[in-house]
Amino acid sequence: LLGVLLQFRQYPIALVADIAGMFNQVKVPPEDSDALRFLWWETNDLE
């Protein structure tokens, strides 16, 4: 963290951005997806 911030102050033109949903961009194989189940309602009635 300190190294990145210090380099950020080195030159006059600054650039900042971030990766959208970084973890979600890395896929898991189907056999591991089985450990990532969850329950959710498809409709607003919450039934």
ModelCIF file with pLDDT and N, C-alpha, C, O atoms, coordinates in Angstrom:
data_MODEL
#
_entry.id   MODEL 
#
_entity.id                         1 
_entity.type                       polymer 
_entity.pdbx_number_of_molecules   1 
#
_entity_poly.entity_id                      1 
_entity_poly.type                           'polypeptide(L)' 
_entity_poly.nstd_linkage                   no 
_entity_poly.nstd_monomer                   no 
_entity_poly.pdbx_seq_one_letter_code       LLGVLLQFRQYPIALVADIAGMFNQVKVPPEDSDALRFLWWETNDLE 
_entity_poly.pdbx_seq_one_letter_code_can   LLGVLLQFRQYPIALVADIAGMFNQVKVPPEDSDALRFLWWETNDLE 
_entity_poly.pdbx_strand_id                 A 
#
loop_
_entity_poly_seq.entity_id 
_entity_poly_seq.num 
_entity_poly_seq.mon_id 
_entity_poly_seq.hetero 
1 1  LEU n 
1 2  LEU n 
1 3  GLY n 
1 4  VAL n 
1 5  LEU n 
1 6  LEU n 
1 7  GLN n 
1 8  PHE n 
1 9  ARG n 
1 10 GLN n 
1 11 TYR n 
1 12 PRO n 
1 13 ILE n 
1 14 ALA n 
1 15 LEU n 
1 16 VAL n 
1 17 ALA n 
1 18 ASP n 
1 19 ILE n 
1 20 ALA n 
1 21 GLY n 
1 22 MET n 
1 23 PHE n 
1 24 ASN n 
1 25 GLN n 
1 26 VAL n 
1 27 LYS n 
1 28 VAL n 
1 29 PRO n 
1 30 PRO n 
1 31 GLU n 
1 32 ASP n 
1 33 SER n 
1 34 ASP n 
1 35 ALA n 
1 36 LEU n 
1 37 ARG n 
1 38 PHE n 
1 39 LEU n 
1 40 TRP n 
1 41 TRP n 
1 42 GLU n 
1 43 THR n 
1 44 ASN n 
1 45 ASP n 
1 46 LEU n 
1 47 GLU n 
#
_struct_asym.id          A 
_struct_asym.entity_id   1 
#
loop_
_ma_qa_metric.id 
_ma_qa_metric.mode 
_ma_qa_metric.name 
_ma_qa_metric.software_group_id 
_ma_qa_metric.type 
1 global pLDDT . pLDDT 
2 local  pLDDT . pLDDT 
#
_ma_qa_metric_global.metric_id      1 
_ma_qa_metric_global.metric_value   94.21 
_ma_qa_metric_global.model_id       1 
_ma_qa_metric_global.ordinal_id     1 
#
loop_
_ma_qa_metric_local.label_asym_id 
_ma_qa_metric_local.label_comp_id 
_ma_qa_metric_local.label_seq_id 
_ma_qa_metric_local.metric_id 
_ma_qa_metric_local.metric_value 
_ma_qa_metric_local.model_id 
_ma_qa_metric_local.ordinal_id 
A LEU 1  2 95.00 1 1  
A LEU 2  2 94.00 1 2  
A GLY 3  2 94.00 1 3  
A VAL 4  2 95.00 1 4  
A LEU 5  2 94.00 1 5  
A LEU 6  2 93.00 1 6  
A GLN 7  2 94.00 1 7  
A PHE 8  2 95.00 1 8  
A ARG 9  2 93.00 1 9  
A GLN 10 2 93.00 1 10 
A TYR 11 2 96.00 1 11 
A PRO 12 2 96.00 1 12 
A ILE 13 2 97.00 1 13 
A ALA 14 2 96.00 1 14 
A LEU 15 2 96.00 1 15 
A VAL 16 2 97.00 1 16 
A ALA 17 2 97.00 1 17 
A ASP 18 2 95.00 1 18 
A ILE 19 2 96.00 1 19 
A ALA 20 2 93.00 1 20 
A GLY 21 2 92.00 1 21 
A MET 22 2 95.00 1 22 
A PHE 23 2 95.00 1 23 
A ASN 24 2 95.00 1 24 
A GLN 25 2 96.00 1 25 
A VAL 26 2 97.00 1 26 
A LYS 27 2 97.00 1 27 
A VAL 28 2 96.00 1 28 
A PRO 29 2 94.00 1 29 
A PRO 30 2 91.00 1 30 
A GLU 31 2 91.00 1 31 
A ASP 32 2 94.00 1 32 
A SER 33 2 95.00 1 33 
A ASP 34 2 95.00 1 34 
A ALA 35 2 96.00 1 35 
A LEU 36 2 97.00 1 36 
A ARG 37 2 97.00 1 37 
A PHE 38 2 97.00 1 38 
A LEU 39 2 97.00 1 39 
A TRP 40 2 97.00 1 40 
A TRP 41 2 96.00 1 41 
A GLU 42 2 90.00 1 42 
A THR 43 2 87.00 1 43 
A ASN 44 2 86.00 1 44 
A ASP 45 2 87.00 1 45 
A LEU 46 2 91.00 1 46 
A GLU 47 2 88.00 1 47 
#
loop_
_atom_site.group_PDB 
_atom_site.id 
_atom_site.type_symbol 
_atom_site.label_atom_id 
_atom_site.label_alt_id 
_atom_site.label_comp_id 
_atom_site.label_asym_id 
_atom_site.label_entity_id 
_atom_site.label_seq_id 
_atom_site.pdbx_PDB_ins_code 
_atom_site.Cartn_x 
_atom_site.Cartn_y 
_atom_site.Cartn_z 
_atom_site.occupancy 
_atom_site.B_iso_or_equiv 
_atom_site.pdbx_formal_charge 
_atom_site.auth_seq_id 
_atom_site.auth_comp_id 
_atom_site.auth_asym_id 
_atom_site.auth_atom_id 
_atom_site.pdbx_PDB_model_num 
ATOM 1   N N  . LEU A 1 1  ? 0.836   -1.202  0.000   1.00 95.00 ? 1  LEU A N  1 
ATOM 2   C CA . LEU A 1 1  ? 0.000   0.000   0.000   1.00 95.00 ? 1  LEU A CA 1 
ATOM 3   C C  . LEU A 1 1  ? 0.871   1.253   0.000   1.00 95.00 ? 1  LEU A C  1 
ATOM 4   O O  . LEU A 1 1  ? 0.639   2.172   -0.785  1.00 95.00 ? 1  LEU A O  1 
ATOM 5   N N  . LEU A 1 2  ? 1.868   1.291   0.874   1.00 94.00 ? 2  LEU A N  1 
ATOM 6   C CA . LEU A 1 2  ? 2.743   2.458   0.966   1.00 94.00 ? 2  LEU A CA 1 
ATOM 7   C C  . LEU A 1 2  ? 3.499   2.664   -0.341  1.00 94.00 ? 2  LEU A C  1 
ATOM 8   O O  . LEU A 1 2  ? 3.640   3.796   -0.803  1.00 94.00 ? 2  LEU A O  1 
ATOM 9   N N  . GLY A 1 3  ? 3.986   1.577   -0.940  1.00 94.00 ? 3  GLY A N  1 
ATOM 10  C CA . GLY A 1 3  ? 4.728   1.694   -2.197  1.00 94.00 ? 3  GLY A CA 1 
ATOM 11  C C  . GLY A 1 3  ? 3.871   2.260   -3.312  1.00 94.00 ? 3  GLY A C  1 
ATOM 12  O O  . GLY A 1 3  ? 4.323   3.123   -4.064  1.00 94.00 ? 3  GLY A O  1 
ATOM 13  N N  . VAL A 1 4  ? 2.631   1.783   -3.428  1.00 95.00 ? 4  VAL A N  1 
ATOM 14  C CA . VAL A 1 4  ? 1.728   2.270   -4.476  1.00 95.00 ? 4  VAL A CA 1 
ATOM 15  C C  . VAL A 1 4  ? 1.431   3.757   -4.274  1.00 95.00 ? 4  VAL A C  1 
ATOM 16  O O  . VAL A 1 4  ? 1.437   4.528   -5.233  1.00 95.00 ? 4  VAL A O  1 
ATOM 17  N N  . LEU A 1 5  ? 1.172   4.159   -3.028  1.00 94.00 ? 5  LEU A N  1 
ATOM 18  C CA . LEU A 1 5  ? 0.858   5.566   -2.754  1.00 94.00 ? 5  LEU A CA 1 
ATOM 19  C C  . LEU A 1 5  ? 2.066   6.477   -3.012  1.00 94.00 ? 5  LEU A C  1 
ATOM 20  O O  . LEU A 1 5  ? 1.909   7.570   -3.555  1.00 94.00 ? 5  LEU A O  1 
ATOM 21  N N  . LEU A 1 6  ? 3.254   6.037   -2.631  1.00 93.00 ? 6  LEU A N  1 
ATOM 22  C CA . LEU A 1 6  ? 4.442   6.867   -2.855  1.00 93.00 ? 6  LEU A CA 1 
ATOM 23  C C  . LEU A 1 6  ? 4.715   7.037   -4.343  1.00 93.00 ? 6  LEU A C  1 
ATOM 24  O O  . LEU A 1 6  ? 5.074   8.128   -4.786  1.00 93.00 ? 6  LEU A O  1 
ATOM 25  N N  . GLN A 1 7  ? 4.549   5.969   -5.118  1.00 94.00 ? 7  GLN A N  1 
ATOM 26  C CA . GLN A 1 7  ? 4.735   6.086   -6.567  1.00 94.00 ? 7  GLN A CA 1 
ATOM 27  C C  . GLN A 1 7  ? 3.686   7.017   -7.186  1.00 94.00 ? 7  GLN A C  1 
ATOM 28  O O  . GLN A 1 7  ? 3.948   7.691   -8.182  1.00 94.00 ? 7  GLN A O  1 
ATOM 29  N N  . PHE A 1 8  ? 2.508   7.042   -6.584  1.00 95.00 ? 8  PHE A N  1 
ATOM 30  C CA . PHE A 1 8  ? 1.431   7.909   -7.064  1.00 95.00 ? 8  PHE A CA 1 
ATOM 31  C C  . PHE A 1 8  ? 1.815   9.383   -6.965  1.00 95.00 ? 8  PHE A C  1 
ATOM 32  O O  . PHE A 1 8  ? 1.304   10.208  -7.723  1.00 95.00 ? 8  PHE A O  1 
ATOM 33  N N  . ARG A 1 9  ? 2.717   9.722   -6.029  1.00 93.00 ? 9  ARG A N  1 
ATOM 34  C CA . ARG A 1 9  ? 3.131   11.124  -5.847  1.00 93.00 ? 9  ARG A CA 1 
ATOM 35  C C  . ARG A 1 9  ? 4.381   11.484  -6.658  1.00 93.00 ? 9  ARG A C  1 
ATOM 36  O O  . ARG A 1 9  ? 4.896   12.596  -6.540  1.00 93.00 ? 9  ARG A O  1 
ATOM 37  N N  . GLN A 1 10 ? 4.869   10.549  -7.478  1.00 93.00 ? 10 GLN A N  1 
ATOM 38  C CA . GLN A 1 10 ? 6.168   10.752  -8.124  1.00 93.00 ? 10 GLN A CA 1 
ATOM 39  C C  . GLN A 1 10 ? 6.127   11.744  -9.278  1.00 93.00 ? 10 GLN A C  1 
ATOM 40  O O  . GLN A 1 10 ? 7.026   12.575  -9.411  1.00 93.00 ? 10 GLN A O  1 
ATOM 41  N N  . TYR A 1 11 ? 5.083   11.667  -10.125 1.00 96.00 ? 11 TYR A N  1 
ATOM 42  C CA . TYR A 1 11 ? 5.022   12.484  -11.335 1.00 96.00 ? 11 TYR A CA 1 
ATOM 43  C C  . TYR A 1 11 ? 3.779   13.372  -11.330 1.00 96.00 ? 11 TYR A C  1 
ATOM 44  O O  . TYR A 1 11 ? 2.863   13.138  -10.542 1.00 96.00 ? 11 TYR A O  1 
ATOM 45  N N  . PRO A 1 12 ? 3.731   14.392  -12.199 1.00 96.00 ? 12 PRO A N  1 
ATOM 46  C CA . PRO A 1 12 ? 2.669   15.416  -12.101 1.00 96.00 ? 12 PRO A CA 1 
ATOM 47  C C  . PRO A 1 12 ? 1.281   14.981  -12.556 1.00 96.00 ? 12 PRO A C  1 
ATOM 48  O O  . PRO A 1 12 ? 0.291   15.522  -12.065 1.00 96.00 ? 12 PRO A O  1 
ATOM 49  N N  . ILE A 1 13 ? 1.170   14.024  -13.477 1.00 97.00 ? 13 ILE A N  1 
ATOM 50  C CA . ILE A 1 13 ? -0.140  13.641  -13.998 1.00 97.00 ? 13 ILE A CA 1 
ATOM 51  C C  . ILE A 1 13 ? -0.595  12.357  -13.315 1.00 97.00 ? 13 ILE A C  1 
ATOM 52  O O  . ILE A 1 13 ? 0.055   11.317  -13.418 1.00 97.00 ? 13 ILE A O  1 
ATOM 53  N N  . ALA A 1 14 ? -1.724  12.449  -12.615 1.00 96.00 ? 14 ALA A N  1 
ATOM 54  C CA . ALA A 1 14 ? -2.233  11.320  -11.821 1.00 96.00 ? 14 ALA A CA 1 
ATOM 55  C C  . ALA A 1 14 ? -3.372  10.604  -12.545 1.00 96.00 ? 14 ALA A C  1 
ATOM 56  O O  . ALA A 1 14 ? -4.193  11.229  -13.217 1.00 96.00 ? 14 ALA A O  1 
ATOM 57  N N  . LEU A 1 15 ? -3.402  9.290   -12.392 1.00 96.00 ? 15 LEU A N  1 
ATOM 58  C CA . LEU A 1 15 ? -4.469  8.454   -12.948 1.00 96.00 ? 15 LEU A CA 1 
ATOM 59  C C  . LEU A 1 15 ? -4.980  7.511   -11.860 1.00 96.00 ? 15 LEU A C  1 
ATOM 60  O O  . LEU A 1 15 ? -4.195  6.880   -11.151 1.00 96.00 ? 15 LEU A O  1 
ATOM 61  N N  . VAL A 1 16 ? -6.304  7.423   -11.738 1.00 97.00 ? 16 VAL A N  1 
ATOM 62  C CA . VAL A 1 16 ? -6.919  6.525   -10.764 1.00 97.00 ? 16 VAL A CA 1 
ATOM 63  C C  . VAL A 1 16 ? -8.110  5.835   -11.439 1.00 97.00 ? 16 VAL A C  1 
ATOM 64  O O  . VAL A 1 16 ? -8.877  6.472   -12.161 1.00 97.00 ? 16 VAL A O  1 
ATOM 65  N N  . ALA A 1 17 ? -8.255  4.531   -11.197 1.00 97.00 ? 17 ALA A N  1 
ATOM 66  C CA . ALA A 1 17 ? -9.413  3.782   -11.691 1.00 97.00 ? 17 ALA A CA 1 
ATOM 67  C C  . ALA A 1 17 ? -9.558  2.541   -10.818 1.00 97.00 ? 17 ALA A C  1 
ATOM 68  O O  . ALA A 1 17 ? -8.707  2.266   -9.972  1.00 97.00 ? 17 ALA A O  1 
ATOM 69  N N  . ASP A 1 18 ? -10.636 1.796   -11.025 1.00 95.00 ? 18 ASP A N  1 
ATOM 70  C CA . ASP A 1 18 ? -10.718 0.508   -10.336 1.00 95.00 ? 18 ASP A CA 1 
ATOM 71  C C  . ASP A 1 18 ? -11.404 -0.524  -11.219 1.00 95.00 ? 18 ASP A C  1 
ATOM 72  O O  . ASP A 1 18 ? -12.113 -0.187  -12.168 1.00 95.00 ? 18 ASP A O  1 
ATOM 73  N N  . ILE A 1 19 ? -11.176 -1.790  -10.881 1.00 96.00 ? 19 ILE A N  1 
ATOM 74  C CA . ILE A 1 19 ? -11.746 -2.904  -11.639 1.00 96.00 ? 19 ILE A CA 1 
ATOM 75  C C  . ILE A 1 19 ? -13.141 -3.194  -11.103 1.00 96.00 ? 19 ILE A C  1 
ATOM 76  O O  . ILE A 1 19 ? -13.327 -3.399  -9.903  1.00 96.00 ? 19 ILE A O  1 
ATOM 77  N N  . ALA A 1 20 ? -14.113 -3.208  -12.000 1.00 93.00 ? 20 ALA A N  1 
ATOM 78  C CA . ALA A 1 20 ? -15.494 -3.470  -11.598 1.00 93.00 ? 20 ALA A CA 1 
ATOM 79  C C  . ALA A 1 20 ? -15.652 -4.924  -11.171 1.00 93.00 ? 20 ALA A C  1 
ATOM 80  O O  . ALA A 1 20 ? -15.372 -5.839  -11.945 1.00 93.00 ? 20 ALA A O  1 
ATOM 81  N N  . GLY A 1 21 ? -16.104 -5.135  -9.926  1.00 92.00 ? 21 GLY A N  1 
ATOM 82  C CA . GLY A 1 21 ? -16.371 -6.479  -9.432  1.00 92.00 ? 21 GLY A CA 1 
ATOM 83  C C  . GLY A 1 21 ? -15.236 -7.447  -9.671  1.00 92.00 ? 21 GLY A C  1 
ATOM 84  O O  . GLY A 1 21 ? -15.424 -8.497  -10.286 1.00 92.00 ? 21 GLY A O  1 
ATOM 85  N N  . MET A 1 22 ? -14.051 -7.096  -9.185  1.00 95.00 ? 22 MET A N  1 
ATOM 86  C CA . MET A 1 22 ? -12.842 -7.849  -9.531  1.00 95.00 ? 22 MET A CA 1 
ATOM 87  C C  . MET A 1 22 ? -12.974 -9.348  -9.253  1.00 95.00 ? 22 MET A C  1 
ATOM 88  O O  . MET A 1 22 ? -12.669 -10.167 -10.120 1.00 95.00 ? 22 MET A O  1 
ATOM 89  N N  . PHE A 1 23 ? -13.427 -9.712  -8.048  1.00 95.00 ? 23 PHE A N  1 
ATOM 90  C CA . PHE A 1 23 ? -13.498 -11.132 -7.712  1.00 95.00 ? 23 PHE A CA 1 
ATOM 91  C C  . PHE A 1 23 ? -14.472 -11.864 -8.637  1.00 95.00 ? 23 PHE A C  1 
ATOM 92  O O  . PHE A 1 23 ? -14.235 -13.011 -9.017  1.00 95.00 ? 23 PHE A O  1 
ATOM 93  N N  . ASN A 1 24 ? -15.574 -11.190 -8.996  1.00 95.00 ? 24 ASN A N  1 
ATOM 94  C CA . ASN A 1 24 ? -16.572 -11.825 -9.857  1.00 95.00 ? 24 ASN A CA 1 
ATOM 95  C C  . ASN A 1 24 ? -16.092 -12.047 -11.279 1.00 95.00 ? 24 ASN A C  1 
ATOM 96  O O  . ASN A 1 24 ? -16.716 -12.801 -12.027 1.00 95.00 ? 24 ASN A O  1 
ATOM 97  N N  . GLN A 1 25 ? -15.001 -11.412 -11.668 1.00 96.00 ? 25 GLN A N  1 
ATOM 98  C CA . GLN A 1 25 ? -14.466 -11.604 -13.024 1.00 96.00 ? 25 GLN A CA 1 
ATOM 99  C C  . GLN A 1 25 ? -13.618 -12.863 -13.129 1.00 96.00 ? 25 GLN A C  1 
ATOM 100 O O  . GLN A 1 25 ? -13.244 -13.270 -14.230 1.00 96.00 ? 25 GLN A O  1 
ATOM 101 N N  . VAL A 1 26 ? -13.310 -13.484 -11.991 1.00 97.00 ? 26 VAL A N  1 
ATOM 102 C CA . VAL A 1 26 ? -12.521 -14.718 -11.981 1.00 97.00 ? 26 VAL A CA 1 
ATOM 103 C C  . VAL A 1 26 ? -13.477 -15.883 -11.729 1.00 97.00 ? 26 VAL A C  1 
ATOM 104 O O  . VAL A 1 26 ? -14.079 -15.974 -10.659 1.00 97.00 ? 26 VAL A O  1 
ATOM 105 N N  . LYS A 1 27 ? -13.615 -16.757 -12.696 1.00 97.00 ? 27 LYS A N  1 
ATOM 106 C CA . LYS A 1 27 ? -14.577 -17.856 -12.626 1.00 97.00 ? 27 LYS A CA 1 
ATOM 107 C C  . LYS A 1 27 ? -14.046 -19.016 -11.783 1.00 97.00 ? 27 LYS A C  1 
ATOM 108 O O  . LYS A 1 27 ? -12.840 -19.179 -11.605 1.00 97.00 ? 27 LYS A O  1 
ATOM 109 N N  . VAL A 1 28 ? -14.978 -19.808 -11.276 1.00 96.00 ? 28 VAL A N  1 
ATOM 110 C CA . VAL A 1 28 ? -14.625 -21.058 -10.599 1.00 96.00 ? 28 VAL A CA 1 
ATOM 111 C C  . VAL A 1 28 ? -15.140 -22.213 -11.450 1.00 96.00 ? 28 VAL A C  1 
ATOM 112 O O  . VAL A 1 28 ? -16.151 -22.058 -12.136 1.00 96.00 ? 28 VAL A O  1 
ATOM 113 N N  . PRO A 1 29 ? -14.471 -23.368 -11.426 1.00 94.00 ? 29 PRO A N  1 
ATOM 114 C CA . PRO A 1 29 ? -14.950 -24.517 -12.193 1.00 94.00 ? 29 PRO A CA 1 
ATOM 115 C C  . PRO A 1 29 ? -16.272 -25.032 -11.622 1.00 94.00 ? 29 PRO A C  1 
ATOM 116 O O  . PRO A 1 29 ? -16.573 -24.792 -10.453 1.00 94.00 ? 29 PRO A O  1 
ATOM 117 N N  . PRO A 1 30 ? -17.064 -25.738 -12.434 1.00 91.00 ? 30 PRO A N  1 
ATOM 118 C CA . PRO A 1 30 ? -18.399 -26.193 -11.994 1.00 91.00 ? 30 PRO A CA 1 
ATOM 119 C C  . PRO A 1 30 ? -18.386 -26.974 -10.690 1.00 91.00 ? 30 PRO A C  1 
ATOM 120 O O  . PRO A 1 30 ? -19.295 -26.824 -9.874  1.00 91.00 ? 30 PRO A O  1 
ATOM 121 N N  . GLU A 1 31 ? -17.363 -27.812 -10.477 1.00 91.00 ? 31 GLU A N  1 
ATOM 122 C CA . GLU A 1 31 ? -17.358 -28.617 -9.244  1.00 91.00 ? 31 GLU A CA 1 
ATOM 123 C C  . GLU A 1 31 ? -17.194 -27.746 -8.001  1.00 91.00 ? 31 GLU A C  1 
ATOM 124 O O  . GLU A 1 31 ? -17.661 -28.122 -6.926  1.00 91.00 ? 31 GLU A O  1 
ATOM 125 N N  . ASP A 1 32 ? -16.536 -26.584 -8.125  1.00 94.00 ? 32 ASP A N  1 
ATOM 126 C CA . ASP A 1 32 ? -16.392 -25.679 -6.980  1.00 94.00 ? 32 ASP A CA 1 
ATOM 127 C C  . ASP A 1 32 ? -17.632 -24.802 -6.797  1.00 94.00 ? 32 ASP A C  1 
ATOM 128 O O  . ASP A 1 32 ? -17.911 -24.346 -5.689  1.00 94.00 ? 32 ASP A O  1 
ATOM 129 N N  . SER A 1 33 ? -18.365 -24.567 -7.869  1.00 95.00 ? 33 SER A N  1 
ATOM 130 C CA . SER A 1 33 ? -19.594 -23.775 -7.752  1.00 95.00 ? 33 SER A CA 1 
ATOM 131 C C  . SER A 1 33 ? -20.585 -24.416 -6.794  1.00 95.00 ? 33 SER A C  1 
ATOM 132 O O  . SER A 1 33 ? -21.433 -23.733 -6.221  1.00 95.00 ? 33 SER A O  1 
ATOM 133 N N  . ASP A 1 34 ? -20.478 -25.733 -6.618  1.00 95.00 ? 34 ASP A N  1 
ATOM 134 C CA . ASP A 1 34 ? -21.396 -26.431 -5.720  1.00 95.00 ? 34 ASP A CA 1 
ATOM 135 C C  . ASP A 1 34 ? -21.215 -25.983 -4.278  1.00 95.00 ? 34 ASP A C  1 
ATOM 136 O O  . ASP A 1 34 ? -22.137 -26.101 -3.471  1.00 95.00 ? 34 ASP A O  1 
ATOM 137 N N  . ALA A 1 35 ? -20.030 -25.469 -3.948  1.00 96.00 ? 35 ALA A N  1 
ATOM 138 C CA . ALA A 1 35 ? -19.768 -24.956 -2.597  1.00 96.00 ? 35 ALA A CA 1 
ATOM 139 C C  . ALA A 1 35 ? -20.225 -23.515 -2.446  1.00 96.00 ? 35 ALA A C  1 
ATOM 140 O O  . ALA A 1 35 ? -20.091 -22.929 -1.371  1.00 96.00 ? 35 ALA A O  1 
ATOM 141 N N  . LEU A 1 36 ? -20.760 -22.944 -3.508  1.00 97.00 ? 36 LEU A N  1 
ATOM 142 C CA . LEU A 1 36 ? -21.164 -21.536 -3.499  1.00 97.00 ? 36 LEU A CA 1 
ATOM 143 C C  . LEU A 1 36 ? -22.655 -21.395 -3.779  1.00 97.00 ? 36 LEU A C  1 
ATOM 144 O O  . LEU A 1 36 ? -23.086 -20.457 -4.450  1.00 97.00 ? 36 LEU A O  1 
ATOM 145 N N  . ARG A 1 37 ? -23.434 -22.337 -3.259  1.00 97.00 ? 37 ARG A N  1 
ATOM 146 C CA . ARG A 1 37 ? -24.890 -22.238 -3.402  1.00 97.00 ? 37 ARG A CA 1 
ATOM 147 C C  . ARG A 1 37 ? -25.452 -21.183 -2.450  1.00 97.00 ? 37 ARG A C  1 
ATOM 148 O O  . ARG A 1 37 ? -24.851 -20.881 -1.419  1.00 97.00 ? 37 ARG A O  1 
ATOM 149 N N  . PHE A 1 38 ? -26.603 -20.631 -2.805  1.00 97.00 ? 38 PHE A N  1 
ATOM 150 C CA . PHE A 1 38 ? -27.315 -19.728 -1.900  1.00 97.00 ? 38 PHE A CA 1 
ATOM 151 C C  . PHE A 1 38 ? -28.795 -19.758 -2.222  1.00 97.00 ? 38 PHE A C  1 
ATOM 152 O O  . PHE A 1 38 ? -29.204 -20.168 -3.308  1.00 97.00 ? 38 PHE A O  1 
ATOM 153 N N  . LEU A 1 39 ? -29.586 -19.321 -1.268  1.00 97.00 ? 39 LEU A N  1 
ATOM 154 C CA . LEU A 1 39 ? -31.041 -19.281 -1.421  1.00 97.00 ? 39 LEU A CA 1 
ATOM 155 C C  . LEU A 1 39 ? -31.489 -17.848 -1.671  1.00 97.00 ? 39 LEU A C  1 
ATOM 156 O O  . LEU A 1 39 ? -30.982 -16.912 -1.052  1.00 97.00 ? 39 LEU A O  1 
ATOM 157 N N  . TRP A 1 40 ? -32.441 -17.686 -2.580  1.00 97.00 ? 40 TRP A N  1 
ATOM 158 C CA . TRP A 1 40 ? -32.944 -16.341 -2.892  1.00 97.00 ? 40 TRP A CA 1 
ATOM 159 C C  . TRP A 1 40 ? -34.307 -16.471 -3.564  1.00 97.00 ? 40 TRP A C  1 
ATOM 160 O O  . TRP A 1 40 ? -34.631 -17.497 -4.163  1.00 97.00 ? 40 TRP A O  1 
ATOM 161 N N  . TRP A 1 41 ? -35.101 -15.395 -3.448  1.00 96.00 ? 41 TRP A N  1 
ATOM 162 C CA . TRP A 1 41 ? -36.430 -15.374 -4.031  1.00 96.00 ? 41 TRP A CA 1 
ATOM 163 C C  . TRP A 1 41 ? -36.391 -14.733 -5.420  1.00 96.00 ? 41 TRP A C  1 
ATOM 164 O O  . TRP A 1 41 ? -35.771 -13.687 -5.614  1.00 96.00 ? 41 TRP A O  1 
ATOM 165 N N  . GLU A 1 42 ? -37.049 -15.363 -6.366  1.00 90.00 ? 42 GLU A N  1 
ATOM 166 C CA . GLU A 1 42 ? -37.094 -14.808 -7.725  1.00 90.00 ? 42 GLU A CA 1 
ATOM 167 C C  . GLU A 1 42 ? -38.078 -13.651 -7.825  1.00 90.00 ? 42 GLU A C  1 
ATOM 168 O O  . GLU A 1 42 ? -37.954 -12.803 -8.709  1.00 90.00 ? 42 GLU A O  1 
ATOM 169 N N  . THR A 1 43 ? -39.049 -13.611 -6.930  1.00 87.00 ? 43 THR A N  1 
ATOM 170 C CA . THR A 1 43 ? -40.078 -12.567 -6.998  1.00 87.00 ? 43 THR A CA 1 
ATOM 171 C C  . THR A 1 43 ? -40.129 -11.790 -5.691  1.00 87.00 ? 43 THR A C  1 
ATOM 172 O O  . THR A 1 43 ? -39.549 -12.194 -4.684  1.00 87.00 ? 43 THR A O  1 
ATOM 173 N N  . ASN A 1 44 ? -40.841 -10.658 -5.731  1.00 86.00 ? 44 ASN A N  1 
ATOM 174 C CA . ASN A 1 44 ? -40.930 -9.765  -4.573  1.00 86.00 ? 44 ASN A CA 1 
ATOM 175 C C  . ASN A 1 44 ? -41.781 -10.322 -3.437  1.00 86.00 ? 44 ASN A C  1 
ATOM 176 O O  . ASN A 1 44 ? -41.768 -9.765  -2.339  1.00 86.00 ? 44 ASN A O  1 
ATOM 177 N N  . ASP A 1 45 ? -42.521 -11.409 -3.673  1.00 87.00 ? 45 ASP A N  1 
ATOM 178 C CA . ASP A 1 45 ? -43.419 -11.890 -2.610  1.00 87.00 ? 45 ASP A CA 1 
ATOM 179 C C  . ASP A 1 45 ? -42.668 -12.603 -1.480  1.00 87.00 ? 45 ASP A C  1 
ATOM 180 O O  . ASP A 1 45 ? -43.244 -12.894 -0.432  1.00 87.00 ? 45 ASP A O  1 
ATOM 181 N N  . LEU A 1 46 ? -41.384 -12.880 -1.701  1.00 91.00 ? 46 LEU A N  1 
ATOM 182 C CA . LEU A 1 46 ? -40.532 -13.492 -0.674  1.00 91.00 ? 46 LEU A CA 1 
ATOM 183 C C  . LEU A 1 46 ? -41.085 -14.821 -0.171  1.00 91.00 ? 46 LEU A C  1 
ATOM 184 O O  . LEU A 1 46 ? -40.992 -15.143 1.014   1.00 91.00 ? 46 LEU A O  1 
ATOM 185 N N  . GLU A 1 47 ? -41.657 -15.580 -1.090  1.00 88.00 ? 47 GLU A N  1 
ATOM 186 C CA . GLU A 1 47 ? -42.153 -16.914 -0.762  1.00 88.00 ? 47 GLU A CA 1 
ATOM 187 C C  . GLU A 1 47 ? -41.406 -17.939 -1.612  1.00 88.00 ? 47 GLU A C  1 
ATOM 188 O O  . GLU A 1 47 ? -41.664 -19.138 -1.501  1.00 88.00 ? 47 GLU A O  1 
#
